[in-house]
N, C-alpha and C. Protein backbone atom coordinates (compact mmCIF):
# COMPACT_ATOMS: atom_id res chain seq x y z
N MET A 1 21.29 17.21 64.09
CA MET A 1 21.19 17.15 62.64
C MET A 1 20.90 18.57 62.20
N GLY A 2 21.53 19.06 61.21
CA GLY A 2 21.28 20.55 60.66
C GLY A 2 20.08 20.59 59.83
N GLY A 3 19.67 21.83 59.59
CA GLY A 3 18.46 22.01 58.77
C GLY A 3 18.43 23.62 58.48
N LEU A 4 17.61 23.83 57.49
CA LEU A 4 17.42 25.23 57.15
C LEU A 4 15.94 25.67 57.16
N ALA A 5 15.58 26.76 57.66
CA ALA A 5 14.27 27.11 58.06
C ALA A 5 13.61 27.61 56.82
N PRO A 6 12.29 27.21 56.47
CA PRO A 6 11.73 27.81 55.38
C PRO A 6 11.36 29.32 55.71
N ALA A 7 11.22 30.07 54.56
CA ALA A 7 10.92 31.49 54.77
C ALA A 7 10.25 32.05 53.43
N HIS A 8 10.30 33.34 53.26
CA HIS A 8 9.52 33.88 52.23
C HIS A 8 10.45 34.36 51.12
N PHE A 9 9.89 34.96 50.01
CA PHE A 9 10.67 35.43 48.88
C PHE A 9 10.44 36.92 48.76
N LEU A 10 11.48 37.71 48.46
CA LEU A 10 11.38 39.08 48.18
C LEU A 10 12.11 39.47 47.05
N CYS A 11 11.63 40.35 46.29
CA CYS A 11 12.37 41.00 45.15
C CYS A 11 12.50 42.50 45.41
N LEU A 12 13.73 42.99 45.72
CA LEU A 12 14.02 44.39 45.84
C LEU A 12 14.57 45.07 44.63
N ASN A 13 13.78 45.97 44.16
CA ASN A 13 14.27 46.86 42.96
C ASN A 13 15.07 47.88 43.42
N ALA A 14 16.17 48.12 42.90
CA ALA A 14 17.07 49.26 43.10
C ALA A 14 18.11 49.34 42.09
N SER A 15 18.78 50.49 41.86
CA SER A 15 19.76 50.59 40.78
C SER A 15 21.01 49.80 41.37
N ALA A 16 21.66 49.15 40.44
CA ALA A 16 22.74 48.27 40.71
C ALA A 16 24.10 49.04 40.68
N GLY A 17 24.87 48.94 41.58
CA GLY A 17 26.25 49.50 41.50
C GLY A 17 26.31 50.97 41.73
N ARG A 18 25.23 51.72 41.92
CA ARG A 18 25.46 53.14 42.05
C ARG A 18 24.13 53.69 42.77
N ARG A 19 24.09 54.68 43.45
CA ARG A 19 22.97 55.46 43.96
C ARG A 19 22.41 56.29 42.83
N LYS A 20 21.04 56.57 43.00
CA LYS A 20 20.44 57.46 42.02
C LYS A 20 21.29 58.78 41.97
N GLY A 21 21.51 59.31 40.79
CA GLY A 21 22.14 60.53 40.46
C GLY A 21 23.70 60.50 40.53
N ALA A 22 24.13 59.34 40.99
CA ALA A 22 25.65 59.14 41.04
C ALA A 22 26.29 58.62 39.70
N ALA A 23 27.36 59.02 39.36
CA ALA A 23 28.09 58.55 38.03
C ALA A 23 28.41 57.09 38.26
N ARG A 24 28.26 56.34 37.21
CA ARG A 24 28.55 54.92 37.23
C ARG A 24 30.05 54.72 37.30
N PRO A 25 30.57 53.95 38.21
CA PRO A 25 32.01 53.80 38.32
C PRO A 25 32.63 53.01 37.11
N GLN A 26 33.88 53.39 36.76
CA GLN A 26 34.41 52.69 35.64
C GLN A 26 34.86 51.25 36.27
N ALA A 27 34.89 50.29 35.26
CA ALA A 27 35.20 48.95 35.55
C ALA A 27 36.69 48.93 36.13
N SER A 28 36.91 48.31 37.31
CA SER A 28 38.05 48.15 37.93
C SER A 28 38.83 46.84 37.51
N SER A 29 40.02 46.74 37.94
CA SER A 29 40.79 45.51 37.71
C SER A 29 40.73 44.62 38.86
N THR A 30 39.69 44.74 39.68
CA THR A 30 39.46 43.85 40.81
C THR A 30 39.28 42.39 40.28
N THR A 31 40.15 41.54 40.83
CA THR A 31 40.10 40.10 40.52
C THR A 31 38.88 39.44 41.33
N HIS A 32 38.49 38.24 40.85
CA HIS A 32 37.42 37.57 41.49
C HIS A 32 37.89 37.19 42.92
N VAL A 33 39.10 36.88 43.17
CA VAL A 33 39.63 36.60 44.46
C VAL A 33 39.43 37.84 45.42
N ALA A 34 39.89 38.99 44.94
CA ALA A 34 39.69 40.17 45.76
C ALA A 34 38.25 40.59 45.92
N LEU A 35 37.44 40.37 44.92
CA LEU A 35 36.03 40.62 45.07
C LEU A 35 35.31 39.75 46.10
N GLN A 36 35.68 38.49 46.06
CA GLN A 36 35.22 37.60 47.00
C GLN A 36 35.61 37.95 48.39
N GLN A 37 36.94 38.39 48.55
CA GLN A 37 37.29 38.79 49.88
C GLN A 37 36.55 39.94 50.36
N THR A 38 36.28 40.93 49.52
CA THR A 38 35.52 42.12 49.86
C THR A 38 34.19 41.79 50.31
N ILE A 39 33.58 40.91 49.48
CA ILE A 39 32.14 40.52 49.82
C ILE A 39 32.06 39.69 51.22
N ASP A 40 33.05 38.78 51.36
CA ASP A 40 33.25 38.09 52.53
C ASP A 40 33.35 38.84 53.78
N ASP A 41 34.22 39.93 53.66
CA ASP A 41 34.45 40.79 54.86
C ASP A 41 33.24 41.53 55.10
N THR A 42 32.53 41.98 54.11
CA THR A 42 31.27 42.80 54.43
C THR A 42 30.19 42.01 54.98
N VAL A 43 29.96 40.78 54.49
CA VAL A 43 28.93 39.92 55.07
C VAL A 43 29.31 39.55 56.50
N ARG A 44 30.55 39.26 56.77
CA ARG A 44 30.93 38.87 58.14
C ARG A 44 30.86 40.04 59.11
N SER A 45 31.10 41.23 58.55
CA SER A 45 30.96 42.38 59.56
C SER A 45 29.67 42.61 59.97
N LEU A 46 28.60 42.12 59.15
CA LEU A 46 27.22 42.30 59.51
C LEU A 46 26.72 41.14 60.35
N GLY A 47 27.60 40.08 60.59
CA GLY A 47 27.25 38.90 61.54
C GLY A 47 26.80 37.75 60.78
N TYR A 48 26.94 37.67 59.47
CA TYR A 48 26.50 36.59 58.67
C TYR A 48 27.75 35.84 58.12
N GLU A 49 27.48 34.62 57.46
CA GLU A 49 28.45 33.95 56.81
C GLU A 49 28.20 33.84 55.35
N LEU A 50 29.21 34.03 54.58
CA LEU A 50 29.18 33.97 53.06
C LEU A 50 29.30 32.42 52.68
N VAL A 51 28.21 31.85 52.11
CA VAL A 51 28.09 30.61 51.75
C VAL A 51 28.64 30.35 50.21
N GLU A 52 28.24 31.26 49.47
CA GLU A 52 28.66 31.13 48.08
C GLU A 52 28.53 32.40 47.25
N LEU A 53 29.47 32.64 46.43
CA LEU A 53 29.52 33.72 45.52
C LEU A 53 29.56 33.30 44.08
N GLU A 54 28.69 33.65 43.23
CA GLU A 54 28.52 33.28 41.87
C GLU A 54 28.56 34.60 40.90
N ARG A 55 29.37 34.52 39.87
CA ARG A 55 29.45 35.67 38.82
C ARG A 55 28.92 34.96 37.65
N SER A 56 27.81 35.43 37.01
CA SER A 56 27.40 34.93 35.78
C SER A 56 27.26 35.93 34.66
N ALA A 57 26.96 35.48 33.42
CA ALA A 57 26.86 36.34 32.32
C ALA A 57 25.84 37.49 32.58
N GLY A 58 26.14 38.57 32.00
CA GLY A 58 25.33 39.81 32.10
C GLY A 58 25.56 40.51 33.30
N GLY A 59 26.72 40.23 33.96
CA GLY A 59 27.15 41.07 35.24
C GLY A 59 26.31 40.72 36.43
N LEU A 60 25.78 39.62 36.51
CA LEU A 60 24.98 39.20 37.79
C LEU A 60 25.99 38.72 38.84
N LEU A 61 25.85 39.30 40.01
CA LEU A 61 26.54 38.68 41.23
C LEU A 61 25.49 38.12 42.14
N ARG A 62 25.67 36.79 42.56
CA ARG A 62 24.67 36.15 43.28
C ARG A 62 25.37 35.79 44.59
N VAL A 63 25.02 36.22 45.67
CA VAL A 63 25.50 36.12 46.98
C VAL A 63 24.55 35.39 47.86
N THR A 64 25.12 34.15 48.50
CA THR A 64 24.25 33.41 49.31
C THR A 64 24.94 33.55 50.66
N ILE A 65 23.89 33.74 51.71
CA ILE A 65 24.45 34.09 53.02
C ILE A 65 23.70 33.02 54.07
N ASP A 66 24.13 33.01 55.14
CA ASP A 66 23.57 32.22 56.29
C ASP A 66 23.97 32.80 57.57
N TRP A 67 23.42 32.31 58.67
CA TRP A 67 23.84 32.69 59.99
C TRP A 67 25.00 31.66 60.34
N PRO A 68 26.08 32.21 61.01
CA PRO A 68 27.11 31.26 61.47
C PRO A 68 26.44 30.17 62.47
N TRP A 69 27.07 28.97 62.31
CA TRP A 69 26.60 27.89 63.11
C TRP A 69 27.50 27.33 64.08
N ALA A 70 26.96 26.93 65.26
CA ALA A 70 27.82 26.36 66.46
C ALA A 70 27.06 25.17 66.88
N ALA A 71 27.80 24.10 67.19
CA ALA A 71 27.13 22.89 67.69
C ALA A 71 26.43 23.15 68.94
N GLY A 72 25.25 22.68 69.08
CA GLY A 72 24.43 22.87 70.33
C GLY A 72 23.41 24.01 70.20
N GLN A 73 23.67 24.91 69.24
CA GLN A 73 22.80 26.01 69.12
C GLN A 73 21.66 25.72 68.13
N ALA A 74 20.45 26.28 68.39
CA ALA A 74 19.29 26.05 67.52
C ALA A 74 19.64 26.74 66.17
N GLU A 75 18.92 26.06 65.07
CA GLU A 75 19.02 26.69 63.87
C GLU A 75 18.38 28.04 63.72
N ARG A 76 18.94 28.94 62.93
CA ARG A 76 18.36 30.18 62.72
C ARG A 76 18.39 30.45 61.29
N GLY A 77 17.08 30.69 60.83
CA GLY A 77 16.89 30.94 59.39
C GLY A 77 17.04 32.32 58.91
N VAL A 78 17.68 32.58 57.74
CA VAL A 78 17.92 33.80 57.10
C VAL A 78 16.45 34.37 56.76
N SER A 79 16.16 35.74 57.03
CA SER A 79 14.90 36.35 56.71
C SER A 79 15.01 37.28 55.60
N VAL A 80 13.84 37.74 55.21
CA VAL A 80 13.87 38.81 54.14
C VAL A 80 14.63 40.07 54.57
N ASP A 81 14.47 40.35 55.87
CA ASP A 81 15.20 41.61 56.37
C ASP A 81 16.71 41.37 56.35
N ASP A 82 17.21 40.15 56.50
CA ASP A 82 18.52 39.83 56.65
C ASP A 82 19.01 40.15 55.14
N CYS A 83 18.50 39.58 54.18
CA CYS A 83 18.78 39.81 52.79
C CYS A 83 18.79 41.36 52.38
N GLU A 84 17.78 41.99 52.85
CA GLU A 84 17.72 43.38 52.44
C GLU A 84 18.94 44.18 53.10
N ARG A 85 19.25 43.85 54.30
CA ARG A 85 20.34 44.60 55.04
C ARG A 85 21.68 44.22 54.32
N VAL A 86 21.95 42.98 54.05
CA VAL A 86 23.25 42.59 53.20
C VAL A 86 23.24 43.34 51.83
N THR A 87 22.12 43.37 51.15
CA THR A 87 22.02 43.83 49.88
C THR A 87 22.46 45.34 49.93
N ARG A 88 21.89 46.20 50.79
CA ARG A 88 22.07 47.51 50.82
C ARG A 88 23.60 47.89 51.29
N GLN A 89 24.18 47.08 52.03
CA GLN A 89 25.46 47.29 52.56
C GLN A 89 26.51 46.87 51.43
N LEU A 90 26.18 45.80 50.70
CA LEU A 90 26.99 45.47 49.52
C LEU A 90 26.95 46.44 48.49
N GLN A 91 25.75 46.97 48.15
CA GLN A 91 25.56 47.90 47.16
C GLN A 91 26.58 49.12 47.45
N TYR A 92 26.66 49.58 48.72
CA TYR A 92 27.53 50.76 48.96
C TYR A 92 29.06 50.29 48.95
N VAL A 93 29.35 49.09 49.49
CA VAL A 93 30.73 48.78 49.42
C VAL A 93 31.20 48.62 48.00
N LEU A 94 30.45 47.86 47.14
CA LEU A 94 30.86 47.72 45.83
C LEU A 94 30.82 48.85 45.01
N GLU A 95 30.18 49.82 45.29
CA GLU A 95 30.20 51.21 44.59
C GLU A 95 31.62 51.83 45.04
N VAL A 96 31.93 51.88 46.30
CA VAL A 96 33.21 52.44 46.81
C VAL A 96 34.43 51.72 46.16
N GLU A 97 34.34 50.38 45.97
CA GLU A 97 35.38 49.61 45.41
C GLU A 97 35.35 49.71 43.91
N GLY A 98 34.41 50.29 43.27
CA GLY A 98 34.39 50.33 41.72
C GLY A 98 34.29 48.89 41.05
N ALA A 99 33.51 48.03 41.78
CA ALA A 99 33.25 46.79 41.29
C ALA A 99 32.44 46.87 40.02
N ASP A 100 32.79 46.01 38.93
CA ASP A 100 32.00 46.04 37.72
C ASP A 100 30.99 44.86 37.75
N TYR A 101 29.72 45.30 37.95
CA TYR A 101 28.65 44.36 37.88
C TYR A 101 27.40 45.15 37.58
N GLN A 102 26.32 44.30 37.18
CA GLN A 102 25.07 44.96 36.71
C GLN A 102 23.92 44.65 37.63
N ARG A 103 23.87 43.52 38.25
CA ARG A 103 22.82 43.12 39.21
C ARG A 103 23.37 42.39 40.30
N LEU A 104 22.67 42.54 41.46
CA LEU A 104 23.11 41.92 42.64
C LEU A 104 21.86 41.15 43.33
N GLU A 105 22.10 39.90 43.68
CA GLU A 105 21.16 39.08 44.26
C GLU A 105 21.66 38.55 45.63
N VAL A 106 20.99 38.72 46.63
CA VAL A 106 21.38 38.20 47.91
C VAL A 106 20.35 37.16 48.38
N SER A 107 20.59 36.03 48.79
CA SER A 107 19.64 34.97 49.14
C SER A 107 20.22 34.14 50.26
N SER A 108 19.32 33.35 50.89
CA SER A 108 19.61 32.29 51.78
C SER A 108 19.90 30.98 51.02
N PRO A 109 20.53 30.04 51.61
CA PRO A 109 20.82 28.88 51.03
C PRO A 109 19.54 28.08 50.70
N GLY A 110 19.44 27.34 49.55
CA GLY A 110 18.27 26.67 49.17
C GLY A 110 18.53 25.21 49.62
N ILE A 111 17.68 24.31 48.95
CA ILE A 111 17.71 22.91 49.44
C ILE A 111 18.92 22.20 48.92
N ASP A 112 19.67 22.80 47.96
CA ASP A 112 20.93 22.23 47.56
C ASP A 112 22.22 23.03 48.05
N ARG A 113 22.14 23.42 49.37
CA ARG A 113 23.11 24.13 49.91
C ARG A 113 24.49 23.53 49.72
N PRO A 114 25.60 24.23 49.31
CA PRO A 114 26.89 23.72 49.10
C PRO A 114 27.55 23.45 50.44
N LEU A 115 28.36 22.51 50.67
CA LEU A 115 29.12 22.13 51.84
C LEU A 115 30.66 22.44 51.49
N ARG A 116 31.19 23.45 52.01
CA ARG A 116 32.63 23.91 51.67
C ARG A 116 33.63 23.74 52.82
N HIS A 117 33.15 23.80 54.05
CA HIS A 117 34.06 23.78 55.12
C HIS A 117 33.79 22.64 56.06
N ALA A 118 34.72 22.41 56.95
CA ALA A 118 34.60 21.25 57.81
C ALA A 118 33.39 21.46 58.72
N GLN A 119 33.13 22.60 59.20
CA GLN A 119 31.96 23.01 60.02
C GLN A 119 30.66 22.65 59.32
N ASP A 120 30.65 22.81 57.86
CA ASP A 120 29.36 22.47 57.15
C ASP A 120 29.08 21.04 57.32
N PHE A 121 30.14 20.19 57.25
CA PHE A 121 29.97 18.72 57.32
C PHE A 121 29.47 18.37 58.71
N GLU A 122 30.05 19.04 59.78
CA GLU A 122 29.63 18.81 61.12
C GLU A 122 28.06 19.11 61.25
N ARG A 123 27.77 20.37 60.74
CA ARG A 123 26.37 20.81 60.83
C ARG A 123 25.37 19.83 60.25
N PHE A 124 25.75 19.26 59.04
CA PHE A 124 24.72 18.52 58.32
C PHE A 124 25.02 16.99 58.26
N ALA A 125 25.80 16.51 59.30
CA ALA A 125 25.99 15.12 59.38
C ALA A 125 24.52 14.57 59.60
N GLY A 126 24.47 13.35 58.97
CA GLY A 126 23.12 12.61 58.97
C GLY A 126 22.12 13.01 57.96
N GLU A 127 22.49 14.04 57.03
CA GLU A 127 21.60 14.47 55.95
C GLU A 127 21.99 13.70 54.68
N LEU A 128 21.08 13.81 53.63
CA LEU A 128 21.36 13.16 52.38
C LEU A 128 22.19 14.25 51.61
N VAL A 129 23.23 13.84 50.99
CA VAL A 129 24.10 14.66 50.28
C VAL A 129 24.52 14.14 48.98
N ASP A 130 24.90 15.08 48.00
CA ASP A 130 25.59 14.68 46.78
C ASP A 130 27.04 15.02 46.78
N LEU A 131 27.86 14.03 46.48
CA LEU A 131 29.30 14.29 46.49
C LEU A 131 29.93 14.02 45.12
N VAL A 132 30.87 14.92 44.70
CA VAL A 132 31.62 14.59 43.55
C VAL A 132 33.12 14.55 43.93
N LEU A 133 33.78 13.35 43.65
CA LEU A 133 35.15 13.26 43.89
C LEU A 133 36.06 13.94 42.83
N LYS A 134 37.26 14.42 43.32
CA LYS A 134 38.11 14.96 42.20
C LYS A 134 38.59 13.87 41.35
N ALA A 135 38.74 12.76 41.77
CA ALA A 135 39.27 11.57 40.92
C ALA A 135 38.38 10.45 41.08
N PRO A 136 38.25 9.59 40.06
CA PRO A 136 37.42 8.28 40.24
C PRO A 136 37.86 7.52 41.37
N ILE A 137 36.89 6.70 41.92
CA ILE A 137 37.16 5.95 43.09
C ILE A 137 38.23 4.90 42.91
N GLY A 138 38.40 4.35 41.69
CA GLY A 138 39.47 3.51 41.41
C GLY A 138 39.55 2.24 42.19
N ALA A 139 40.58 1.81 42.65
CA ALA A 139 40.78 0.46 43.40
C ALA A 139 39.85 0.34 44.75
N ALA A 140 39.53 1.64 45.22
CA ALA A 140 38.74 1.48 46.46
C ALA A 140 37.26 0.98 46.12
N ALA A 141 36.88 0.83 44.81
CA ALA A 141 35.57 0.35 44.53
C ALA A 141 35.49 -1.22 44.77
N ALA A 142 36.61 -1.85 44.80
CA ALA A 142 36.80 -3.23 45.18
C ALA A 142 35.75 -4.10 44.46
N GLY A 143 35.35 -3.74 43.18
CA GLY A 143 34.48 -4.44 42.47
C GLY A 143 32.98 -4.37 42.85
N GLN A 144 32.67 -3.46 43.78
CA GLN A 144 31.38 -3.21 44.22
C GLN A 144 30.56 -2.20 43.39
N VAL A 145 31.36 -1.23 42.88
CA VAL A 145 30.84 -0.15 42.06
C VAL A 145 31.89 0.08 40.90
N ALA A 146 31.52 0.78 39.88
CA ALA A 146 32.41 1.09 38.73
C ALA A 146 33.58 1.85 39.30
N ALA A 147 34.72 1.42 38.71
CA ALA A 147 36.04 2.02 39.29
C ALA A 147 36.17 3.56 38.82
N ASN A 148 35.38 3.94 37.72
CA ASN A 148 35.51 5.21 37.22
C ASN A 148 34.42 6.16 37.82
N ARG A 149 33.67 5.77 38.92
CA ARG A 149 32.70 6.44 39.40
C ARG A 149 33.25 7.54 40.34
N LYS A 150 32.60 8.82 40.15
CA LYS A 150 32.94 9.92 40.90
C LYS A 150 31.84 10.57 41.71
N LYS A 151 30.58 10.27 41.28
CA LYS A 151 29.46 10.99 41.97
C LYS A 151 28.71 9.97 42.86
N PHE A 152 28.31 10.51 43.96
CA PHE A 152 27.63 9.55 45.02
C PHE A 152 26.46 10.52 45.70
N ARG A 153 25.39 9.79 45.96
CA ARG A 153 24.35 10.43 46.84
C ARG A 153 24.09 9.47 47.88
N GLY A 154 24.17 9.93 49.10
CA GLY A 154 23.93 9.01 50.38
C GLY A 154 23.91 9.91 51.61
N THR A 155 23.82 9.19 52.62
CA THR A 155 23.81 9.73 54.04
C THR A 155 25.18 10.16 54.50
N LEU A 156 25.33 11.32 54.94
CA LEU A 156 26.71 11.83 55.45
C LEU A 156 26.89 11.26 56.87
N GLN A 157 28.03 10.67 57.14
CA GLN A 157 28.27 10.18 58.49
C GLN A 157 29.80 10.55 58.89
N ARG A 158 30.02 10.51 60.19
CA ARG A 158 31.30 10.67 60.59
C ARG A 158 32.16 9.43 60.31
N GLY A 159 33.46 9.58 59.82
CA GLY A 159 34.23 8.54 59.71
C GLY A 159 35.25 8.45 60.83
N GLU A 160 36.29 7.77 60.60
CA GLU A 160 37.47 7.61 61.54
C GLU A 160 38.34 9.03 61.60
N GLY A 161 38.76 9.28 62.79
CA GLY A 161 39.46 10.51 62.96
C GLY A 161 38.99 11.74 62.39
N GLU A 162 39.62 12.41 61.43
CA GLU A 162 39.03 13.59 60.76
C GLU A 162 38.33 13.35 59.56
N GLY A 163 38.22 11.91 59.23
CA GLY A 163 37.53 11.62 57.91
C GLY A 163 36.05 11.63 58.03
N TRP A 164 35.41 11.34 56.81
CA TRP A 164 33.94 11.35 56.74
C TRP A 164 33.52 10.12 55.84
N ARG A 165 32.35 9.83 55.93
CA ARG A 165 31.77 8.54 55.24
C ARG A 165 30.49 8.90 54.62
N ILE A 166 30.30 8.41 53.36
CA ILE A 166 28.91 8.46 52.80
C ILE A 166 28.31 6.96 52.73
N VAL A 167 27.08 6.81 52.99
CA VAL A 167 26.51 5.48 53.00
C VAL A 167 25.27 5.49 52.08
N TRP A 168 25.25 4.54 51.21
CA TRP A 168 24.05 4.54 50.23
C TRP A 168 23.75 3.10 49.80
N ARG A 169 22.60 3.04 49.01
CA ARG A 169 22.19 1.86 48.44
C ARG A 169 21.93 2.01 46.96
N ASP A 170 22.52 1.28 46.04
CA ASP A 170 22.32 1.54 44.62
C ASP A 170 21.02 0.67 44.18
N GLU A 171 19.81 1.15 44.57
CA GLU A 171 18.62 0.51 44.17
C GLU A 171 18.32 0.78 42.69
N PRO A 172 17.93 -0.40 41.95
CA PRO A 172 17.72 -0.31 40.60
C PRO A 172 16.55 0.59 40.28
N ALA A 173 16.63 1.33 39.07
CA ALA A 173 15.54 2.29 38.73
C ALA A 173 14.29 1.57 38.58
N ILE A 174 13.21 2.20 38.85
CA ILE A 174 11.85 1.64 38.83
C ILE A 174 11.15 2.23 37.57
N LYS A 175 10.71 1.36 36.67
CA LYS A 175 10.06 1.87 35.46
C LYS A 175 8.67 2.43 35.76
N PRO A 176 8.27 3.49 35.16
CA PRO A 176 6.89 4.05 35.34
C PRO A 176 5.79 2.91 35.17
N GLY A 177 4.94 2.87 35.97
CA GLY A 177 3.70 1.83 35.89
C GLY A 177 4.06 0.60 36.44
N VAL A 178 5.32 0.34 36.79
CA VAL A 178 5.59 -1.10 37.41
C VAL A 178 5.50 -1.09 38.80
N ARG A 179 4.80 -1.99 39.34
CA ARG A 179 4.53 -2.16 40.81
C ARG A 179 5.72 -2.98 41.37
N VAL A 180 6.16 -2.36 42.55
CA VAL A 180 7.31 -3.08 43.17
C VAL A 180 6.82 -3.82 44.41
N SER A 181 7.25 -5.10 44.41
CA SER A 181 6.73 -5.90 45.57
C SER A 181 7.36 -5.50 46.89
N LYS A 182 6.74 -5.47 47.89
CA LYS A 182 7.19 -5.09 49.19
C LYS A 182 8.16 -6.08 49.68
N LYS A 183 8.10 -7.35 49.10
CA LYS A 183 9.01 -8.36 49.59
C LYS A 183 10.35 -8.28 48.92
N ARG A 184 10.48 -7.42 47.86
CA ARG A 184 11.76 -7.23 47.24
C ARG A 184 12.87 -7.04 48.20
N GLU A 185 13.92 -7.58 48.02
CA GLU A 185 15.11 -7.46 48.93
C GLU A 185 15.72 -6.25 48.51
N ALA A 186 16.12 -5.39 49.62
CA ALA A 186 16.79 -4.14 49.39
C ALA A 186 18.20 -4.34 48.86
N ALA A 187 18.68 -3.39 48.13
CA ALA A 187 20.06 -3.40 47.62
C ALA A 187 21.02 -3.28 48.81
N PRO A 188 22.15 -3.97 48.73
CA PRO A 188 23.11 -3.98 50.03
C PRO A 188 23.57 -2.48 50.21
N GLU A 189 23.81 -2.22 51.41
CA GLU A 189 24.26 -1.03 51.83
C GLU A 189 25.80 -0.92 51.60
N GLN A 190 26.20 0.30 51.05
CA GLN A 190 27.62 0.42 50.70
C GLN A 190 28.06 1.72 51.38
N ALA A 191 29.45 1.86 51.59
CA ALA A 191 29.98 3.01 52.20
C ALA A 191 31.23 3.42 51.56
N LEU A 192 31.66 4.69 51.67
CA LEU A 192 32.86 5.03 51.17
C LEU A 192 33.44 6.13 52.08
N ASP A 193 34.71 5.95 52.57
CA ASP A 193 35.29 6.89 53.41
C ASP A 193 36.08 7.95 52.65
N PHE A 194 36.05 9.12 53.07
CA PHE A 194 36.74 10.14 52.22
C PHE A 194 37.31 11.26 53.21
N ALA A 195 38.18 12.09 52.65
CA ALA A 195 38.70 13.19 53.23
C ALA A 195 38.19 14.42 52.53
N LEU A 196 38.09 15.51 53.17
CA LEU A 196 37.43 16.73 52.47
C LEU A 196 38.28 17.17 51.30
N ASP A 197 39.57 17.13 51.33
CA ASP A 197 40.37 17.43 50.28
C ASP A 197 40.35 16.56 49.01
N GLU A 198 39.55 15.45 49.09
CA GLU A 198 39.35 14.52 47.99
C GLU A 198 38.14 14.93 47.12
N LEU A 199 37.26 15.96 47.64
CA LEU A 199 36.00 16.34 47.09
C LEU A 199 36.25 17.39 46.09
N ALA A 200 35.66 17.25 44.95
CA ALA A 200 35.43 18.49 44.03
C ALA A 200 34.34 19.26 44.32
N SER A 201 33.19 18.70 44.92
CA SER A 201 32.06 19.43 45.38
C SER A 201 31.17 18.68 46.23
N ALA A 202 30.43 19.32 47.14
CA ALA A 202 29.51 18.61 48.16
C ALA A 202 28.33 19.45 48.17
N ARG A 203 27.12 18.90 48.20
CA ARG A 203 25.96 19.78 48.41
C ARG A 203 24.93 18.81 49.04
N LEU A 204 24.01 19.54 49.81
CA LEU A 204 22.79 18.88 50.33
C LEU A 204 22.10 18.37 49.01
N ALA A 205 21.51 17.15 49.03
CA ALA A 205 20.67 16.61 47.99
C ALA A 205 19.44 17.34 47.83
N SER A 206 19.10 17.85 46.65
CA SER A 206 17.87 18.61 46.32
C SER A 206 16.67 17.56 46.18
N VAL A 207 16.13 17.01 47.25
CA VAL A 207 15.18 16.15 47.30
C VAL A 207 13.80 16.92 47.49
N VAL A 208 12.79 16.84 46.54
CA VAL A 208 11.48 17.65 46.77
C VAL A 208 10.53 16.58 47.34
N ASP A 209 9.80 16.98 48.42
CA ASP A 209 8.79 16.15 48.95
C ASP A 209 7.47 16.46 48.30
N PHE A 210 6.83 15.44 47.64
CA PHE A 210 5.59 15.72 46.95
C PHE A 210 4.37 15.27 47.67
N LYS A 211 4.51 14.97 49.03
CA LYS A 211 3.56 14.62 49.91
C LYS A 211 2.81 15.65 50.67
N GLY A 212 2.97 16.88 50.23
CA GLY A 212 2.35 17.90 50.87
C GLY A 212 3.08 18.68 51.85
N ARG A 213 4.28 18.23 52.38
CA ARG A 213 5.21 18.86 53.33
C ARG A 213 6.11 19.75 52.62
N LYS A 214 6.17 20.95 53.20
CA LYS A 214 7.13 21.99 52.55
C LYS A 214 8.55 21.54 52.75
N PRO A 215 9.35 21.50 51.83
CA PRO A 215 10.75 21.12 51.89
C PRO A 215 11.50 22.12 52.70
N ARG A 216 12.47 21.72 53.46
CA ARG A 216 13.27 22.69 54.37
C ARG A 216 14.25 23.35 53.37
N GLY A 217 14.55 24.57 53.78
CA GLY A 217 15.60 25.25 53.00
C GLY A 217 15.20 26.10 51.82
N ASP A 218 13.85 26.55 51.92
CA ASP A 218 13.25 27.33 50.83
C ASP A 218 14.08 28.58 50.88
N SER A 219 14.56 29.10 49.63
CA SER A 219 15.46 30.36 49.65
C SER A 219 14.63 31.54 49.81
N VAL A 220 15.25 32.44 50.56
CA VAL A 220 14.97 33.92 50.66
C VAL A 220 15.81 34.72 49.90
N GLU A 221 15.31 35.64 49.16
CA GLU A 221 16.23 36.37 48.10
C GLU A 221 15.77 37.82 47.98
N ALA A 222 16.83 38.65 48.03
CA ALA A 222 16.68 40.06 47.63
C ALA A 222 17.50 40.35 46.39
N LYS A 223 16.74 41.07 45.44
CA LYS A 223 17.48 41.38 44.19
C LYS A 223 17.71 42.90 43.97
N GLN A 224 18.70 43.26 43.22
CA GLN A 224 18.84 44.55 42.73
C GLN A 224 18.78 44.58 41.22
N GLU A 225 17.94 45.31 40.63
CA GLU A 225 17.91 45.35 39.25
C GLU A 225 17.90 46.74 38.67
C-alpha cells in the first residue's frame, strides 16, 4: 500500500524568472503544453517525477514533484533539499526558455495527491480516494445510486484485467449532537468497476486525522518570490 512521508516546510525567497542584475526576458509564445514538457524534462533529468503543474492568476507556477515509484521498493519522501534543488534548476531553465511567470513554487504531493497514471493507481491500491467520472454512472447505477452521480469516495481496489474498482458505503449523515447506536446496521457495501479513461479526475481523499496522529503526505514546499 502506498504512502507519502511527512516532512517539513520551507519558503525560499529569490527573484523569479531571472538572476539578480539580469534583464527580465520578454514574454514568449510558449504554450502550456510546451512549458509542461520543458518542466517535465527538467524534473526527470534530476531524477524526480512531475506529479502536477498548475498555472494560476498573477503568474504563479506551482510544480509538484515526487520520487519515481516501483513495486516492492520502500517509499521515499521528498525533502526540503529536493524542492530547493528543483527550484534552482527550473529557475535557470525557465529563464533560458524565456518563460513568462512571476513566481515559482515547488512542493511535494500533499494529502490530496492526484492520481494520473496507471502506476499511481498501482501504488495507492487500498487507499481512500476521490473519483470523478467523465459521464454520469447512468444504467450502471442499477437503482442502487442516483443515475446522474459522477463523484465517489471509497477504497481503491484492483478490478478484472486492466480495470479498477472503487468500494464504498453511503452512510447517512450524522447530525451534530446526535448519538449513534453501536447496534445500527451499516449501510450496504457498493462497488463500481471503471477504466482509467472513464475518469475526469482522481485524487487521494484528503482526510484529516483529529486524534493526534499526523496525517501522511504533509507537503514540503520551496517558493520563489
